[in-house]
Amino acid sequence: MSQNNSLMVLEQRANLPAVIDSNGLVAYFEKIKKFPVLSDEEEHNLLIEFKQKGNLQAAQRLITSHLRLAAKIAMSYRNYGLPLADLISEANIGLMQAVKKFDLAKKVRLSTYAIWWIRAAINDFILRSWSLVKIGTVAAQKKLFYNLNRIKTHLGIYDNSLSPENVKSIAKELVVDEKDVVEMNQRLHADASLNVEIGDEQSQERINLLVDNRENIEQRLANKQEIAYKQKVLEKCLAKLDERSQYVIRNRMLTENPITLEELGNHFNVSRERIRQIEKKAFDTLSMLVKSEMAVEAA
């Protein structure tokens, strides 16, 4: 059996504990604590069993013994505004990829190698989740997500407080609605506050007690397909804009770290206000093209 086919079968038969069940994340963490840590010799023998003989039970033991590592890494990404359960699920996918790709000739432990695959899977998930798949709200949220704390620091604001003047200034700088600034500020603050330890002995964090209504696997697949479709439509419509408009949209709305109006103004040798006008016009045109294209596809 090929390694690719082995992994597919493994994903179907691994019978890993569900990240979310009726008791939530706390129950999941309790379950993965029960899987024993492997010694160097046990790990090496299991790798040989899987890589050379295609033993899926060996692969399953390798995966389950590293679920705590995957969860720990996923927890370090919990302030990105995404459900922790989803981050852990993606981390587990990265872990399975690491087991599949591991080279027996490598003189490292599987955990050392797996860290890179787990982080890559999570990073890819975050970028896909924050990609511009809709016109309007998502674009504004993405800009705010990557820039709000930076601008607050520049203004000397280091807590959750934002005065009406602050909100207005930030909204003007990022060309978004003031209500979006307020909502994102509250959202980012909420993410941090969920990490507060609670209980008489502060034995667990508040986030572990939240109920997560994550969609099922079929729904997630459907949503991923829809995202891919919308991204394809977006690129098609974006290509219809002139080069300057494309450049402004890509560097203001379709990048992890949007550049400022002033930087764009310097690039095109025009004023900051002129760039704001170009961005608004390009955004409005792109929105119209996307809506028109999706209407045609739906007909």
C-alpha atoms as a PDB file:
ATOM      1  CA  MET A   1       0.000   0.000   0.000  1.00  0.00           C
ATOM      2  CA  SER A   2       1.409   3.454  -0.931  1.00  0.00           C
ATOM      3  CA  GLN A   3       2.081   6.040   1.773  1.00  0.00           C
ATOM      4  CA  ASN A   4      -0.634   8.307   0.368  1.00  0.00           C
ATOM      5  CA  ASN A   5      -3.186   5.530   0.501  1.00  0.00           C
ATOM      6  CA  SER A   6      -1.945   4.545   3.932  1.00  0.00           C
ATOM      7  CA  LEU A   7      -2.552   8.027   5.261  1.00  0.00           C
ATOM      8  CA  MET A   8      -6.053   8.154   3.777  1.00  0.00           C
ATOM      9  CA  VAL A   9      -6.921   4.857   5.410  1.00  0.00           C
ATOM     10  CA  LEU A  10      -5.286   5.996   8.636  1.00  0.00           C
ATOM     11  CA  GLU A  11      -7.404   9.176   8.732  1.00  0.00           C
ATOM     12  CA  GLN A  12     -10.501   6.996   8.338  1.00  0.00           C
ATOM     13  CA  ARG A  13      -9.513   4.387  10.920  1.00  0.00           C
ATOM     14  CA  ALA A  14      -7.394   6.335  13.395  1.00  0.00           C
ATOM     15  CA  ASN A  15     -10.337   6.670  15.769  1.00  0.00           C
ATOM     16  CA  LEU A  16      -8.758   9.699  17.424  1.00  0.00           C
ATOM     17  CA  PRO A  17     -10.686  11.341  20.262  1.00  0.00           C
ATOM     18  CA  ALA A  18     -13.067  14.012  19.001  1.00  0.00           C
ATOM     19  CA  VAL A  19     -11.806  17.515  19.634  1.00  0.00           C
ATOM     20  CA  ILE A  20     -15.339  18.554  20.526  1.00  0.00           C
ATOM     21  CA  ASP A  21     -17.878  16.279  22.173  1.00  0.00           C
ATOM     22  CA  SER A  22     -20.705  16.781  24.636  1.00  0.00           C
ATOM     23  CA  ASN A  23     -18.257  17.836  27.362  1.00  0.00           C
ATOM     24  CA  GLY A  24     -16.229  20.219  25.225  1.00  0.00           C
ATOM     25  CA  LEU A  25     -12.517  20.853  25.171  1.00  0.00           C
ATOM     26  CA  VAL A  26     -11.902  19.870  28.789  1.00  0.00           C
ATOM     27  CA  ALA A  27     -12.961  16.301  28.040  1.00  0.00           C
ATOM     28  CA  TYR A  28     -10.699  16.197  24.981  1.00  0.00           C
ATOM     29  CA  PHE A  29      -7.671  17.336  26.964  1.00  0.00           C
ATOM     30  CA  GLU A  30      -8.393  14.703  29.598  1.00  0.00           C
ATOM     31  CA  LYS A  31      -8.562  11.987  26.940  1.00  0.00           C
ATOM     32  CA  ILE A  32      -5.280  12.831  25.238  1.00  0.00           C
ATOM     33  CA  LYS A  33      -3.472  12.873  28.590  1.00  0.00           C
ATOM     34  CA  LYS A  34      -4.130   9.132  28.824  1.00  0.00           C
ATOM     35  CA  PHE A  35      -2.020   8.258  25.777  1.00  0.00           C
ATOM     36  CA  PRO A  36       1.460   7.201  26.938  1.00  0.00           C
ATOM     37  CA  VAL A  37       4.635   9.001  25.910  1.00  0.00           C
ATOM     38  CA  LEU A  38       6.862   6.761  23.803  1.00  0.00           C
ATOM     39  CA  SER A  39      10.482   5.997  24.566  1.00  0.00           C
ATOM     40  CA  ASP A  40      13.102   6.521  21.843  1.00  0.00           C
ATOM     41  CA  GLU A  41      13.183   2.793  21.125  1.00  0.00           C
ATOM     42  CA  GLU A  42       9.383   2.425  21.030  1.00  0.00           C
ATOM     43  CA  GLU A  43       9.049   5.368  18.681  1.00  0.00           C
ATOM     44  CA  HIS A  44      11.790   4.076  16.358  1.00  0.00           C
ATOM     45  CA  ASN A  45      10.259   0.592  16.191  1.00  0.00           C
ATOM     46  CA  LEU A  46       6.808   1.986  15.452  1.00  0.00           C
ATOM     47  CA  LEU A  47       8.202   4.196  12.698  1.00  0.00           C
ATOM     48  CA  ILE A  48       9.815   1.169  11.089  1.00  0.00           C
ATOM     49  CA  GLU A  49       6.541  -0.749  11.357  1.00  0.00           C
ATOM     50  CA  PHE A  50       4.648   2.020   9.586  1.00  0.00           C
ATOM     51  CA  LYS A  51       7.197   3.246   7.054  1.00  0.00           C
ATOM     52  CA  GLN A  52       8.481  -0.157   5.964  1.00  0.00           C
ATOM     53  CA  LYS A  53       5.503  -2.429   6.581  1.00  0.00           C
ATOM     54  CA  GLY A  54       2.526  -0.054   6.319  1.00  0.00           C
ATOM     55  CA  ASN A  55       1.310  -0.968   9.781  1.00  0.00           C
ATOM     56  CA  LEU A  56      -1.495   1.511  10.458  1.00  0.00           C
ATOM     57  CA  GLN A  57      -1.792   0.575  14.114  1.00  0.00           C
ATOM     58  CA  ALA A  58       1.820   1.655  14.564  1.00  0.00           C
ATOM     59  CA  ALA A  59       1.048   4.963  12.888  1.00  0.00           C
ATOM     60  CA  GLN A  60      -1.974   5.436  15.128  1.00  0.00           C
ATOM     61  CA  ARG A  61       0.148   4.959  18.243  1.00  0.00           C
ATOM     62  CA  LEU A  62       2.680   7.470  16.922  1.00  0.00           C
ATOM     63  CA  ILE A  63      -0.087  10.015  16.366  1.00  0.00           C
ATOM     64  CA  THR A  64      -1.922   9.537  19.650  1.00  0.00           C
ATOM     65  CA  SER A  65       1.305   9.792  21.642  1.00  0.00           C
ATOM     66  CA  HIS A  66       1.881  13.251  20.132  1.00  0.00           C
ATOM     67  CA  LEU A  67      -1.639  14.682  20.440  1.00  0.00           C
ATOM     68  CA  ARG A  68      -0.615  16.677  23.508  1.00  0.00           C
ATOM     69  CA  LEU A  69       2.172  18.299  21.496  1.00  0.00           C
ATOM     70  CA  ALA A  70      -0.286  19.256  18.733  1.00  0.00           C
ATOM     71  CA  ALA A  71      -2.724  20.713  21.268  1.00  0.00           C
ATOM     72  CA  LYS A  72       0.015  22.689  23.024  1.00  0.00           C
ATOM     73  CA  ILE A  73       1.129  24.275  19.756  1.00  0.00           C
ATOM     74  CA  ALA A  74      -2.472  25.014  18.772  1.00  0.00           C
ATOM     75  CA  MET A  75      -3.003  26.778  22.114  1.00  0.00           C
ATOM     76  CA  SER A  76      -0.206  29.207  21.267  1.00  0.00           C
ATOM     77  CA  TYR A  77      -2.331  30.449  18.329  1.00  0.00           C
ATOM     78  CA  ARG A  78      -5.525  30.981  20.317  1.00  0.00           C
ATOM     79  CA  ASN A  79      -5.396  34.788  20.164  1.00  0.00           C
ATOM     80  CA  TYR A  80      -5.907  34.829  16.403  1.00  0.00           C
ATOM     81  CA  GLY A  81      -9.671  35.053  16.796  1.00  0.00           C
ATOM     82  CA  LEU A  82     -10.375  31.494  15.574  1.00  0.00           C
ATOM     83  CA  PRO A  83     -12.048  28.622  17.469  1.00  0.00           C
ATOM     84  CA  LEU A  84      -9.492  26.690  19.494  1.00  0.00           C
ATOM     85  CA  ALA A  85     -11.181  23.438  18.496  1.00  0.00           C
ATOM     86  CA  ASP A  86     -10.524  24.187  14.827  1.00  0.00           C
ATOM     87  CA  LEU A  87      -6.894  25.060  15.546  1.00  0.00           C
ATOM     88  CA  ILE A  88      -6.405  21.743  17.341  1.00  0.00           C
ATOM     89  CA  SER A  89      -8.052  19.835  14.489  1.00  0.00           C
ATOM     90  CA  GLU A  90      -5.699  21.473  11.982  1.00  0.00           C
ATOM     91  CA  ALA A  91      -2.743  20.752  14.274  1.00  0.00           C
ATOM     92  CA  ASN A  92      -3.724  17.080  14.286  1.00  0.00           C
ATOM     93  CA  ILE A  93      -3.807  17.079  10.492  1.00  0.00           C
ATOM     94  CA  GLY A  94      -0.288  18.503  10.484  1.00  0.00           C
ATOM     95  CA  LEU A  95       0.764  15.790  12.938  1.00  0.00           C
ATOM     96  CA  MET A  96      -0.568  13.058  10.660  1.00  0.00           C
ATOM     97  CA  GLN A  97       1.304  14.611   7.745  1.00  0.00           C
ATOM     98  CA  ALA A  98       4.486  14.569   9.816  1.00  0.00           C
ATOM     99  CA  VAL A  99       4.099  10.855  10.529  1.00  0.00           C
ATOM    100  CA  LYS A 100       3.512  10.238   6.838  1.00  0.00           C
ATOM    101  CA  LYS A 101       6.490  12.327   5.660  1.00  0.00           C
ATOM    102  CA  PHE A 102       9.010  11.328   8.334  1.00  0.00           C
ATOM    103  CA  ASP A 103      12.265   9.979   6.934  1.00  0.00           C
ATOM    104  CA  LEU A 104      13.810   7.129   8.906  1.00  0.00           C
ATOM    105  CA  ALA A 105      17.241   8.450   7.975  1.00  0.00           C
ATOM    106  CA  LYS A 106      16.615  11.608  10.023  1.00  0.00           C
ATOM    107  CA  LYS A 107      18.513  11.650  13.296  1.00  0.00           C
ATOM    108  CA  VAL A 108      15.799  13.501  15.207  1.00  0.00           C
ATOM    109  CA  ARG A 109      12.794  12.578  17.275  1.00  0.00           C
ATOM    110  CA  LEU A 110       9.424  12.609  15.571  1.00  0.00           C
ATOM    111  CA  SER A 111       8.289  15.446  17.867  1.00  0.00           C
ATOM    112  CA  THR A 112      11.078  17.736  16.615  1.00  0.00           C
ATOM    113  CA  TYR A 113      10.101  17.045  13.020  1.00  0.00           C
ATOM    114  CA  ALA A 114       6.364  17.242  13.685  1.00  0.00           C
ATOM    115  CA  ILE A 115       6.525  20.742  15.150  1.00  0.00           C
ATOM    116  CA  TRP A 116       7.173  22.211  11.705  1.00  0.00           C
ATOM    117  CA  TRP A 117       4.304  20.325  10.062  1.00  0.00           C
ATOM    118  CA  ILE A 118       1.899  21.234  12.866  1.00  0.00           C
ATOM    119  CA  ARG A 119       2.784  24.923  12.696  1.00  0.00           C
ATOM    120  CA  ALA A 120       2.536  24.893   8.895  1.00  0.00           C
ATOM    121  CA  ALA A 121      -0.947  23.354   9.032  1.00  0.00           C
ATOM    122  CA  ILE A 122      -2.153  25.912  11.582  1.00  0.00           C
ATOM    123  CA  ASN A 123      -0.621  28.852   9.733  1.00  0.00           C
ATOM    124  CA  ASP A 124      -2.233  27.709   6.504  1.00  0.00           C
ATOM    125  CA  PHE A 125      -5.590  27.399   8.256  1.00  0.00           C
ATOM    126  CA  ILE A 126      -5.316  30.894   9.728  1.00  0.00           C
ATOM    127  CA  LEU A 127      -4.462  32.427   6.376  1.00  0.00           C
ATOM    128  CA  ARG A 128      -7.290  30.583   4.662  1.00  0.00           C
ATOM    129  CA  SER A 129      -9.703  31.624   7.373  1.00  0.00           C
ATOM    130  CA  TRP A 130      -8.714  35.262   7.098  1.00  0.00           C
ATOM    131  CA  SER A 131      -8.535  35.315   3.276  1.00  0.00           C
ATOM    132  CA  LEU A 132     -10.817  37.742   1.497  1.00  0.00           C
ATOM    133  CA  VAL A 133     -13.600  35.371   0.461  1.00  0.00           C
ATOM    134  CA  LYS A 134     -16.351  37.968   0.597  1.00  0.00           C
ATOM    135  CA  ILE A 135     -16.404  41.592  -0.388  1.00  0.00           C
ATOM    136  CA  GLY A 136     -17.063  44.128   2.348  1.00  0.00           C
ATOM    137  CA  THR A 137     -17.197  42.956   5.928  1.00  0.00           C
ATOM    138  CA  VAL A 138     -14.422  40.372   5.675  1.00  0.00           C
ATOM    139  CA  ALA A 139     -12.064  42.861   4.037  1.00  0.00           C
ATOM    140  CA  ALA A 140     -12.648  45.341   6.841  1.00  0.00           C
ATOM    141  CA  GLN A 141     -12.218  42.690   9.522  1.00  0.00           C
ATOM    142  CA  LYS A 142      -8.986  41.476   7.995  1.00  0.00           C
ATOM    143  CA  LYS A 143      -7.480  44.953   7.908  1.00  0.00           C
ATOM    144  CA  LEU A 144      -8.572  45.559  11.484  1.00  0.00           C
ATOM    145  CA  PHE A 145      -7.307  42.196  12.677  1.00  0.00           C
ATOM    146  CA  TYR A 146      -3.782  42.852  11.417  1.00  0.00           C
ATOM    147  CA  ASN A 147      -3.594  46.582  12.157  1.00  0.00           C
ATOM    148  CA  LEU A 148      -5.749  47.523  15.135  1.00  0.00           C
ATOM    149  CA  ASN A 149      -3.237  46.744  17.881  1.00  0.00           C
ATOM    150  CA  ARG A 150      -0.447  48.373  15.892  1.00  0.00           C
ATOM    151  CA  ILE A 151      -2.400  51.604  15.507  1.00  0.00           C
ATOM    152  CA  LYS A 152      -3.509  51.539  19.164  1.00  0.00           C
ATOM    153  CA  THR A 153       0.115  51.219  20.241  1.00  0.00           C
ATOM    154  CA  HIS A 154       1.056  54.123  17.977  1.00  0.00           C
ATOM    155  CA  LEU A 155      -1.681  56.182  19.665  1.00  0.00           C
ATOM    156  CA  GLY A 156      -0.415  55.171  23.106  1.00  0.00           C
ATOM    157  CA  ILE A 157      -3.421  52.965  23.918  1.00  0.00           C
ATOM    158  CA  TYR A 158      -2.480  49.752  25.711  1.00  0.00           C
ATOM    159  CA  ASP A 159      -5.827  48.514  27.014  1.00  0.00           C
ATOM    160  CA  ASN A 160      -9.328  47.904  25.694  1.00  0.00           C
ATOM    161  CA  SER A 161     -10.469  51.519  25.988  1.00  0.00           C
ATOM    162  CA  LEU A 162     -11.141  53.470  22.804  1.00  0.00           C
ATOM    163  CA  SER A 163     -12.568  56.970  22.935  1.00  0.00           C
ATOM    164  CA  PRO A 164     -14.955  58.111  20.185  1.00  0.00           C
ATOM    165  CA  GLU A 165     -12.086  60.212  18.825  1.00  0.00           C
ATOM    166  CA  ASN A 166      -9.810  57.156  18.743  1.00  0.00           C
ATOM    167  CA  VAL A 167     -12.457  55.102  16.955  1.00  0.00           C
ATOM    168  CA  LYS A 168     -12.997  57.825  14.389  1.00  0.00           C
ATOM    169  CA  SER A 169      -9.254  58.222  13.783  1.00  0.00           C
ATOM    170  CA  ILE A 170      -8.663  54.470  13.327  1.00  0.00           C
ATOM    171  CA  ALA A 171     -11.699  54.090  11.061  1.00  0.00           C
ATOM    172  CA  LYS A 172     -10.416  56.943   8.887  1.00  0.00           C
ATOM    173  CA  GLU A 173      -6.913  55.491   8.710  1.00  0.00           C
ATOM    174  CA  LEU A 174      -8.096  52.023   7.653  1.00  0.00           C
ATOM    175  CA  VAL A 175     -11.102  53.185   5.603  1.00  0.00           C
ATOM    176  CA  VAL A 176     -13.584  51.089   7.566  1.00  0.00           C
ATOM    177  CA  ASP A 177     -16.794  51.763   9.463  1.00  0.00           C
ATOM    178  CA  GLU A 178     -16.462  52.975  13.039  1.00  0.00           C
ATOM    179  CA  LYS A 179     -18.710  50.154  14.266  1.00  0.00           C
ATOM    180  CA  ASP A 180     -16.254  47.633  12.780  1.00  0.00           C
ATOM    181  CA  VAL A 181     -13.434  49.204  14.803  1.00  0.00           C
ATOM    182  CA  VAL A 182     -15.458  48.902  18.017  1.00  0.00           C
ATOM    183  CA  GLU A 183     -16.489  45.299  17.300  1.00  0.00           C
ATOM    184  CA  MET A 184     -12.967  44.138  16.424  1.00  0.00           C
ATOM    185  CA  ASN A 185     -11.526  45.850  19.499  1.00  0.00           C
ATOM    186  CA  GLN A 186     -14.055  44.025  21.676  1.00  0.00           C
ATOM    187  CA  ARG A 187     -13.380  40.754  19.892  1.00  0.00           C
ATOM    188  CA  LEU A 188      -9.615  40.910  20.335  1.00  0.00           C
ATOM    189  CA  HIS A 189     -10.054  41.850  23.989  1.00  0.00           C
ATOM    190  CA  ALA A 190     -12.456  38.940  24.487  1.00  0.00           C
ATOM    191  CA  ASP A 191      -9.920  36.502  23.021  1.00  0.00           C
ATOM    192  CA  ALA A 192      -7.371  37.576  25.611  1.00  0.00           C
ATOM    193  CA  SER A 193      -9.794  37.510  28.529  1.00  0.00           C
ATOM    194  CA  LEU A 194     -10.762  33.919  27.783  1.00  0.00           C
ATOM    195  CA  ASN A 195      -7.282  32.850  28.860  1.00  0.00           C
ATOM    196  CA  VAL A 196      -7.902  33.936  32.452  1.00  0.00           C
ATOM    197  CA  GLU A 197      -7.672  31.045  34.901  1.00  0.00           C
ATOM    198  CA  ILE A 198     -10.797  30.440  36.967  1.00  0.00           C
ATOM    199  CA  GLY A 199     -11.985  28.170  39.740  1.00  0.00           C
ATOM    200  CA  ASP A 200     -11.138  27.917  43.407  1.00  0.00           C
ATOM    201  CA  GLU A 201      -7.692  26.595  42.604  1.00  0.00           C
ATOM    202  CA  GLN A 202      -7.476  28.256  39.153  1.00  0.00           C
ATOM    203  CA  SER A 203      -7.043  24.816  37.650  1.00  0.00           C
ATOM    204  CA  GLN A 204      -8.436  25.636  34.234  1.00  0.00           C
ATOM    205  CA  GLU A 205      -9.010  28.539  31.874  1.00  0.00           C
ATOM    206  CA  ARG A 206     -12.356  30.063  30.987  1.00  0.00           C
ATOM    207  CA  ILE A 207     -11.930  29.147  27.312  1.00  0.00           C
ATOM    208  CA  ASN A 208     -11.994  25.443  28.198  1.00  0.00           C
ATOM    209  CA  LEU A 209     -15.526  25.766  29.553  1.00  0.00           C
ATOM    210  CA  LEU A 210     -17.011  27.331  26.438  1.00  0.00           C
ATOM    211  CA  VAL A 211     -19.407  25.312  24.318  1.00  0.00           C
ATOM    212  CA  ASP A 212     -18.278  25.278  20.686  1.00  0.00           C
ATOM    213  CA  ASN A 213     -20.921  24.624  18.027  1.00  0.00           C
ATOM    214  CA  ARG A 214     -18.451  23.704  15.339  1.00  0.00           C
ATOM    215  CA  GLU A 215     -19.910  22.561  12.046  1.00  0.00           C
ATOM    216  CA  ASN A 216     -19.627  18.901  11.122  1.00  0.00           C
ATOM    217  CA  ILE A 217     -17.060  17.525   8.678  1.00  0.00           C
ATOM    218  CA  GLU A 218     -19.443  17.566   5.710  1.00  0.00           C
ATOM    219  CA  GLN A 219     -20.320  21.202   6.349  1.00  0.00           C
ATOM    220  CA  ARG A 220     -16.669  22.150   6.706  1.00  0.00           C
ATOM    221  CA  LEU A 221     -15.878  20.528   3.364  1.00  0.00           C
ATOM    222  CA  ALA A 222     -18.747  22.355   1.702  1.00  0.00           C
ATOM    223  CA  ASN A 223     -17.568  25.632   3.180  1.00  0.00           C
ATOM    224  CA  LYS A 224     -14.008  25.061   1.984  1.00  0.00           C
ATOM    225  CA  GLN A 225     -15.301  24.424  -1.528  1.00  0.00           C
ATOM    226  CA  GLU A 226     -17.350  27.605  -1.360  1.00  0.00           C
ATOM    227  CA  ILE A 227     -14.317  29.570  -0.210  1.00  0.00           C
ATOM    228  CA  ALA A 228     -12.268  28.248  -3.140  1.00  0.00           C
ATOM    229  CA  TYR A 229     -15.051  29.223  -5.538  1.00  0.00           C
ATOM    230  CA  LYS A 230     -15.316  32.751  -4.132  1.00  0.00           C
ATOM    231  CA  GLN A 231     -11.566  33.226  -4.300  1.00  0.00           C
ATOM    232  CA  LYS A 232     -11.615  32.171  -7.945  1.00  0.00           C
ATOM    233  CA  VAL A 233     -14.392  34.668  -8.685  1.00  0.00           C
ATOM    234  CA  LEU A 234     -12.520  37.381  -6.822  1.00  0.00           C
ATOM    235  CA  GLU A 235      -9.337  36.864  -8.821  1.00  0.00           C
ATOM    236  CA  LYS A 236     -11.269  36.850 -12.086  1.00  0.00           C
ATOM    237  CA  CYS A 237     -12.968  40.137 -11.255  1.00  0.00           C
ATOM    238  CA  LEU A 238      -9.810  41.693  -9.868  1.00  0.00           C
ATOM    239  CA  ALA A 239      -8.097  41.097 -13.212  1.00  0.00           C
ATOM    240  CA  LYS A 240     -10.660  43.401 -14.831  1.00  0.00           C
ATOM    241  CA  LEU A 241      -9.422  46.423 -12.868  1.00  0.00           C
ATOM    242  CA  ASP A 242      -6.599  48.651 -14.081  1.00  0.00           C
ATOM    243  CA  GLU A 243      -3.112  47.894 -12.792  1.00  0.00           C
ATOM    244  CA  ARG A 244      -3.051  50.719 -10.243  1.00  0.00           C
ATOM    245  CA  SER A 245      -6.402  49.708  -8.768  1.00  0.00           C
ATOM    246  CA  GLN A 246      -5.267  46.086  -8.578  1.00  0.00           C
ATOM    247  CA  TYR A 247      -2.095  47.123  -6.805  1.00  0.00           C
ATOM    248  CA  VAL A 248      -4.004  49.200  -4.257  1.00  0.00           C
ATOM    249  CA  ILE A 249      -6.570  46.450  -3.549  1.00  0.00           C
ATOM    250  CA  ARG A 250      -3.930  43.734  -3.232  1.00  0.00           C
ATOM    251  CA  ASN A 251      -1.737  45.777  -0.908  1.00  0.00           C
ATOM    252  CA  ARG A 252      -4.555  47.160   1.214  1.00  0.00           C
ATOM    253  CA  MET A 253      -7.040  44.277   1.396  1.00  0.00           C
ATOM    254  CA  LEU A 254      -5.423  41.073   0.144  1.00  0.00           C
ATOM    255  CA  THR A 255      -2.290  40.911   2.256  1.00  0.00           C
ATOM    256  CA  GLU A 256      -1.471  39.935   5.809  1.00  0.00           C
ATOM    257  CA  ASN A 257       0.179  43.281   6.470  1.00  0.00           C
ATOM    258  CA  PRO A 258      -1.590  46.041   4.524  1.00  0.00           C
ATOM    259  CA  ILE A 259       0.570  49.049   3.719  1.00  0.00           C
ATOM    260  CA  THR A 260      -0.529  52.546   4.663  1.00  0.00           C
ATOM    261  CA  LEU A 261      -2.190  55.140   2.464  1.00  0.00           C
ATOM    262  CA  GLU A 262       0.917  57.276   2.822  1.00  0.00           C
ATOM    263  CA  GLU A 263       3.183  54.494   1.554  1.00  0.00           C
ATOM    264  CA  LEU A 264       0.923  53.919  -1.444  1.00  0.00           C
ATOM    265  CA  GLY A 265       0.874  57.661  -2.097  1.00  0.00           C
ATOM    266  CA  ASN A 266       4.653  57.719  -2.175  1.00  0.00           C
ATOM    267  CA  HIS A 267       4.698  54.709  -4.481  1.00  0.00           C
ATOM    268  CA  PHE A 268       2.440  56.377  -7.054  1.00  0.00           C
ATOM    269  CA  ASN A 269       3.664  59.904  -6.311  1.00  0.00           C
ATOM    270  CA  VAL A 270       0.187  61.126  -5.374  1.00  0.00           C
ATOM    271  CA  SER A 271      -1.420  62.359  -2.191  1.00  0.00           C
ATOM    272  CA  ARG A 272      -2.746  60.132   0.564  1.00  0.00           C
ATOM    273  CA  GLU A 273      -6.248  61.441  -0.098  1.00  0.00           C
ATOM    274  CA  ARG A 274      -5.953  60.509  -3.768  1.00  0.00           C
ATOM    275  CA  ILE A 275      -5.044  56.939  -2.781  1.00  0.00           C
ATOM    276  CA  ARG A 276      -8.086  56.844  -0.506  1.00  0.00           C
ATOM    277  CA  GLN A 277     -10.268  57.869  -3.457  1.00  0.00           C
ATOM    278  CA  ILE A 278      -8.674  55.251  -5.721  1.00  0.00           C
ATOM    279  CA  GLU A 279      -9.163  52.562  -3.082  1.00  0.00           C
ATOM    280  CA  LYS A 280     -12.834  53.425  -2.567  1.00  0.00           C
ATOM    281  CA  LYS A 281     -13.552  53.503  -6.297  1.00  0.00           C
ATOM    282  CA  ALA A 282     -11.685  50.242  -6.892  1.00  0.00           C
ATOM    283  CA  PHE A 283     -13.470  48.592  -3.972  1.00  0.00           C
ATOM    284  CA  ASP A 284     -16.901  49.698  -5.214  1.00  0.00           C
ATOM    285  CA  THR A 285     -16.129  48.534  -8.749  1.00  0.00           C
ATOM    286  CA  LEU A 286     -14.782  45.204  -7.546  1.00  0.00           C
ATOM    287  CA  SER A 287     -17.844  44.654  -5.362  1.00  0.00           C
ATOM    288  CA  MET A 288     -20.122  45.282  -8.333  1.00  0.00           C
ATOM    289  CA  LEU A 289     -18.115  42.934 -10.580  1.00  0.00           C
ATOM    290  CA  VAL A 290     -18.135  40.154  -7.988  1.00  0.00           C
ATOM    291  CA  LYS A 291     -21.874  40.433  -7.386  1.00  0.00           C
ATOM    292  CA  SER A 292     -22.511  40.422 -11.130  1.00  0.00           C
ATOM    293  CA  GLU A 293     -20.235  37.414 -11.724  1.00  0.00           C
ATOM    294  CA  MET A 294     -21.810  35.398  -8.916  1.00  0.00           C
ATOM    295  CA  ALA A 295     -25.281  36.246 -10.191  1.00  0.00           C
ATOM    296  CA  VAL A 296     -24.336  34.917 -13.624  1.00  0.00           C
ATOM    297  CA  GLU A 297     -22.884  31.728 -12.116  1.00  0.00           C
ATOM    298  CA  ALA A 298     -26.034  31.181 -10.070  1.00  0.00           C
ATOM    299  CA  ALA A 299     -28.347  31.636 -13.060  1.00  0.00           C
END
